[in-house]
Protein backbone atom coordinates (compact mmCIF):
# COMPACT_ATOMS: atom_id res chain seq x y z
CA MET A 1 -15.69 -20.59 9.69
CA LYS A 2 -17.96 -17.97 11.65
CA LEU A 3 -14.91 -15.81 11.39
CA LYS A 4 -14.12 -15.79 8.01
CA LEU A 5 -17.87 -14.47 7.34
CA LEU A 6 -17.64 -12.11 9.82
CA ILE A 7 -14.93 -10.60 8.16
CA PHE A 8 -16.66 -10.88 4.75
CA SER A 9 -19.75 -9.60 6.31
CA LEU A 10 -18.17 -6.15 8.01
CA SER A 11 -16.73 -5.94 4.23
CA LEU A 12 -19.61 -5.75 2.51
CA ILE A 13 -21.50 -3.19 5.23
CA THR A 14 -18.71 -1.16 5.02
CA LEU A 15 -18.36 -0.31 1.18
CA LYS A 16 -22.46 -0.81 1.10
CA THR A 17 -22.75 2.01 3.42
CA SER A 18 -19.80 4.13 2.38
CA ALA A 19 -20.81 4.07 -1.27
CA GLN A 20 -23.81 6.40 -0.83
CA ILE A 21 -21.41 8.87 0.19
CA SER A 22 -18.25 8.36 -1.99
CA LYS A 23 -16.66 7.44 -5.02
CA LEU A 24 -16.83 3.63 -5.52
CA GLN A 25 -13.48 1.82 -6.85
CA LEU A 26 -13.27 -1.50 -8.81
CA GLY A 27 -10.27 -3.17 -9.70
CA VAL A 28 -8.20 -6.18 -10.61
CA ALA A 29 -4.54 -6.63 -10.02
CA ALA A 30 -1.80 -9.26 -11.06
CA ILE A 31 0.06 -10.65 -7.47
CA GLY A 32 3.23 -12.12 -6.53
CA THR A 33 3.70 -14.26 -2.51
CA TYR A 34 6.33 -16.24 -1.13
CA PHE A 35 5.04 -17.58 1.93
CA GLY A 36 7.29 -17.82 4.90
CA ASN A 37 10.85 -18.30 4.69
CA ASP A 38 11.15 -21.00 2.20
CA PRO A 39 12.31 -19.16 -1.92
CA GLU A 40 10.05 -22.08 -3.74
CA LEU A 41 6.73 -21.58 -1.97
CA PHE A 42 6.58 -18.93 -4.09
CA SER A 43 2.69 -18.18 -5.91
CA PRO A 44 1.06 -15.92 -8.68
CA GLY A 45 -2.60 -14.93 -8.12
CA ILE A 46 -5.13 -12.61 -9.09
CA ASP A 47 -6.86 -10.36 -6.51
CA VAL A 48 -10.60 -8.29 -7.38
CA PHE A 49 -11.65 -5.33 -4.82
CA ALA A 50 -13.98 -3.21 -4.77
CA GLY A 51 -12.72 0.16 -3.32
CA ILE A 52 -14.18 3.35 -1.95
CA LEU A 53 -12.44 6.69 -1.86
CA THR A 54 -13.96 8.89 0.75
CA ASP A 55 -11.46 11.72 -0.18
CA LYS A 56 -8.48 12.18 -2.13
CA GLU A 57 -6.27 11.22 0.83
CA PHE A 58 -7.53 8.09 2.39
CA GLY A 59 -9.61 4.99 0.85
CA LEU A 60 -11.23 1.62 1.81
CA THR A 61 -10.87 -1.89 -0.29
CA ALA A 62 -12.12 -5.33 0.48
CA GLY A 63 -11.80 -8.53 -1.93
CA PHE A 64 -10.46 -11.53 -2.45
CA THR A 65 -7.18 -13.03 -3.72
CA TYR A 66 -7.45 -16.41 -5.21
CA TYR A 67 -3.52 -18.32 -5.80
CA GLN A 68 -1.97 -20.79 -7.93
CA PRO A 69 -1.73 -24.12 -6.33
CA ILE A 70 1.85 -24.97 -5.12
CA LYS A 71 2.87 -28.53 -6.29
CA LYS A 72 6.15 -30.28 -5.30
CA THR A 73 7.32 -33.72 -6.67
CA ASN A 74 10.87 -35.44 -5.03
CA SER A 75 12.73 -38.81 -5.07
CA ASP A 76 15.52 -39.83 -3.46
CA GLY A 77 15.44 -43.63 -4.41
CA PHE A 78 14.04 -44.80 -1.88
CA SER A 79 10.60 -42.69 -1.15
CA ASN A 80 8.80 -40.53 -3.47
CA TYR A 81 7.85 -37.12 -1.86
CA ASN A 82 4.97 -34.86 -2.45
CA GLU A 83 4.60 -31.37 -1.31
CA ASP A 84 0.55 -29.50 -2.03
CA PHE A 85 0.18 -25.80 -1.15
CA LYS A 86 -3.03 -24.19 -2.29
CA CYS A 87 -4.46 -20.45 -0.61
CA GLY A 88 -7.03 -17.55 -1.01
CA ILE A 89 -6.68 -14.83 1.09
CA ILE A 90 -9.64 -12.05 2.13
CA ASN A 91 -8.38 -8.79 2.43
CA LEU A 92 -9.61 -5.54 4.23
CA GLU A 93 -7.43 -2.70 3.37
CA ALA A 94 -7.27 0.84 4.54
CA GLU A 95 -4.58 3.49 1.67
CA PHE A 96 -3.09 6.35 2.54
CA ASN A 97 -2.93 8.74 -0.06
CA PHE A 98 0.20 11.61 -0.37
CA GLY A 99 0.27 14.31 -2.26
CA LYS A 100 -0.69 17.74 -2.64
CA SER A 101 -3.19 18.14 -5.24
CA GLN A 102 -5.55 15.64 -7.36
CA ASN A 103 -4.02 16.96 -10.60
CA TYR A 104 -0.87 15.45 -9.42
CA ASN A 105 -1.18 12.10 -12.19
CA LEU A 106 2.16 10.59 -9.72
CA GLY A 107 1.72 9.74 -5.83
CA ILE A 108 2.40 7.25 -3.09
CA TYR A 109 0.46 5.62 -0.61
CA ILE A 110 0.86 3.27 2.65
CA PRO A 111 -1.55 0.35 2.67
CA ILE A 112 -2.85 -1.09 6.38
CA GLY A 113 -4.90 -3.39 6.27
CA ILE A 114 -5.73 -7.42 8.02
CA SER A 115 -6.31 -10.65 6.16
CA TYR A 116 -7.60 -13.57 6.38
CA LEU A 117 -5.91 -16.99 4.75
CA ILE A 118 -7.74 -19.86 4.12
CA GLY A 119 -5.53 -22.54 2.95
CA ASP A 120 -3.80 -25.89 3.61
CA TYR A 121 -0.72 -28.25 3.04
CA THR A 122 -0.31 -31.34 2.52
CA TYR A 123 2.33 -33.75 2.40
CA GLN A 124 3.09 -37.39 1.15
CA SER A 125 5.32 -40.29 0.83
CA SER A 126 5.37 -43.75 -0.47
CA SER A 127 7.76 -46.12 -0.08
CA ALA A 128 8.12 -50.14 0.09
CA ASN A 129 7.57 -50.50 3.20
CA ARG A 130 5.58 -47.56 4.55
CA ASN A 131 3.10 -44.47 3.49
CA ILE A 132 2.50 -41.28 5.44
CA TYR A 133 -0.35 -38.47 4.97
CA LEU A 134 0.32 -34.99 6.67
CA LYS A 135 -1.90 -32.79 6.45
CA GLU A 136 -1.74 -28.79 7.67
CA ASP A 137 -4.42 -25.88 8.45
CA LEU A 138 -2.50 -22.85 7.49
CA ASP A 139 -5.85 -20.50 8.16
CA GLY A 140 -5.70 -17.51 10.42
CA LEU A 141 -5.20 -13.53 10.15
CA ALA A 142 -2.38 -11.66 9.53
CA VAL A 143 -1.93 -7.68 9.84
CA ASN A 144 -0.42 -6.18 6.29
CA LEU A 145 1.70 -3.00 6.07
CA GLY A 146 3.18 -2.10 2.97
CA LEU A 147 4.06 1.12 -0.12
CA GLY A 148 3.22 1.57 -3.01
CA TYR A 149 2.95 3.98 -5.99
CA TYR A 150 0.38 4.89 -8.18
CA TYR A 151 -0.55 6.25 -11.60
CA LYS A 152 -3.56 8.06 -12.92
CA LEU A 153 -4.27 7.66 -16.49
CA GLY A 154 -7.24 9.38 -17.72
CA ASN A 155 -10.17 8.15 -15.78
CA VAL A 156 -7.97 5.06 -14.23
CA THR A 157 -5.18 4.84 -11.73
CA LEU A 158 -2.60 2.42 -12.33
CA PHE A 159 -1.01 1.12 -9.21
CA SER A 160 2.08 -1.16 -7.71
CA ASP A 161 2.73 -2.09 -4.23
CA LEU A 162 5.07 -4.26 -2.06
CA LYS A 163 3.76 -4.69 1.24
CA ALA A 164 4.19 -7.69 4.60
CA GLY A 165 1.76 -10.20 5.63
CA VAL A 166 2.51 -10.84 9.54
CA PRO A 167 0.41 -13.70 11.21
CA ILE A 168 -1.24 -12.80 14.62
CA VAL A 169 0.11 -15.78 16.98
CA TYR A 170 -2.54 -16.51 19.45
CA HIS A 171 -1.90 -19.15 22.07
CA GLU A 172 -4.19 -21.40 23.75
CA ARG A 173 -2.78 -23.25 27.61
CA ASN A 174 -2.77 -26.90 27.29
CA GLN A 175 -4.63 -28.34 30.68
CA TYR A 176 -2.57 -31.73 30.86
CA VAL A 177 0.63 -29.44 30.80
CA ASN A 178 0.06 -26.23 32.47
CA GLN A 179 1.91 -24.86 28.59
CA LEU A 180 0.89 -22.36 26.26
CA ASN A 181 1.31 -23.80 22.74
CA GLU A 182 0.84 -22.06 19.27
CA THR A 183 -2.77 -22.55 17.91
CA SER A 184 -1.68 -20.38 14.25
CA ASN A 185 -0.12 -21.69 11.35
CA THR A 186 -0.04 -18.99 8.96
CA PRO A 187 2.82 -18.60 6.89
CA PHE A 188 4.38 -14.70 6.72
CA GLN A 189 3.64 -13.50 3.66
CA THR A 190 5.70 -11.44 1.77
CA THR A 191 3.81 -9.68 -1.84
CA LEU A 192 4.10 -8.04 -4.70
CA LYS A 193 1.24 -6.12 -6.77
CA PHE A 194 0.36 -4.82 -10.12
CA GLY A 195 -3.28 -3.51 -10.87
CA ILE A 196 -5.94 -1.39 -12.24
CA LYS A 197 -8.21 0.81 -10.38
CA ILE A 198 -11.25 1.69 -12.20
CA PRO A 199 -13.58 4.61 -10.51
CA LYS A 200 -17.25 4.74 -10.60
CA ASP A 201 -18.65 8.30 -9.27
CA PHE A 202 -21.24 8.85 -7.41
CA SER A 203 -21.97 12.32 -7.93
CA SER A 204 -25.80 11.66 -9.45
CA ASN A 205 -26.09 9.90 -6.32
CA PRO A 206 -29.10 12.34 -4.05
CA TYR A 207 -27.13 11.05 -1.00
CA ALA A 208 -24.06 12.02 -1.84
CA PRO A 209 -22.48 14.97 0.06
CA LYS A 210 -22.27 18.47 -1.48
CA LYS A 211 -18.61 17.92 -2.56
CA PHE A 212 -18.98 15.22 -4.41
CA LYS A 213 -21.31 16.68 -6.73
């Protein structure tokens, strides 16, 4: 819980301090993610974020993605199986834009960031002989890297990107058997996103540098 609050607090501080000298962007995106290597673990979601544009080549965003829970039910004639997967993700991301001029409507960018997945996986089976209930905590950090494009349409920006989220796996030593055990169950993430950004110009801010006035 302390790690979640730290990441969220750093995101807010970054946006608050930088907004005085930059341009604020608010955005929303439709998102779809495959978790792990199971093709059935696909979930659509919605991403809400705010960002700052320090100049035409670099920006920072922070946001939260909510995913639709995944539910699977099966039966083999002897037992009934139920699986539930639900999660949300806190994102902090830098974007490096490529283009010779801001007058170009179409461009590409590379998103690089870190995210914290908050979620769990539950498994239940019931039969005439026994019932089984398992719950696995999936909370953990991941490093994200991708490639996207954007198109400026008037005052708004349409964008799309594809990125991979690689879990940060760390280890703890088991003092009883003297071996290292992995302590992260966070799955690998493959994400496709389509969204829109709406800028808010801080040129009227008296603290803004001259290039934004």
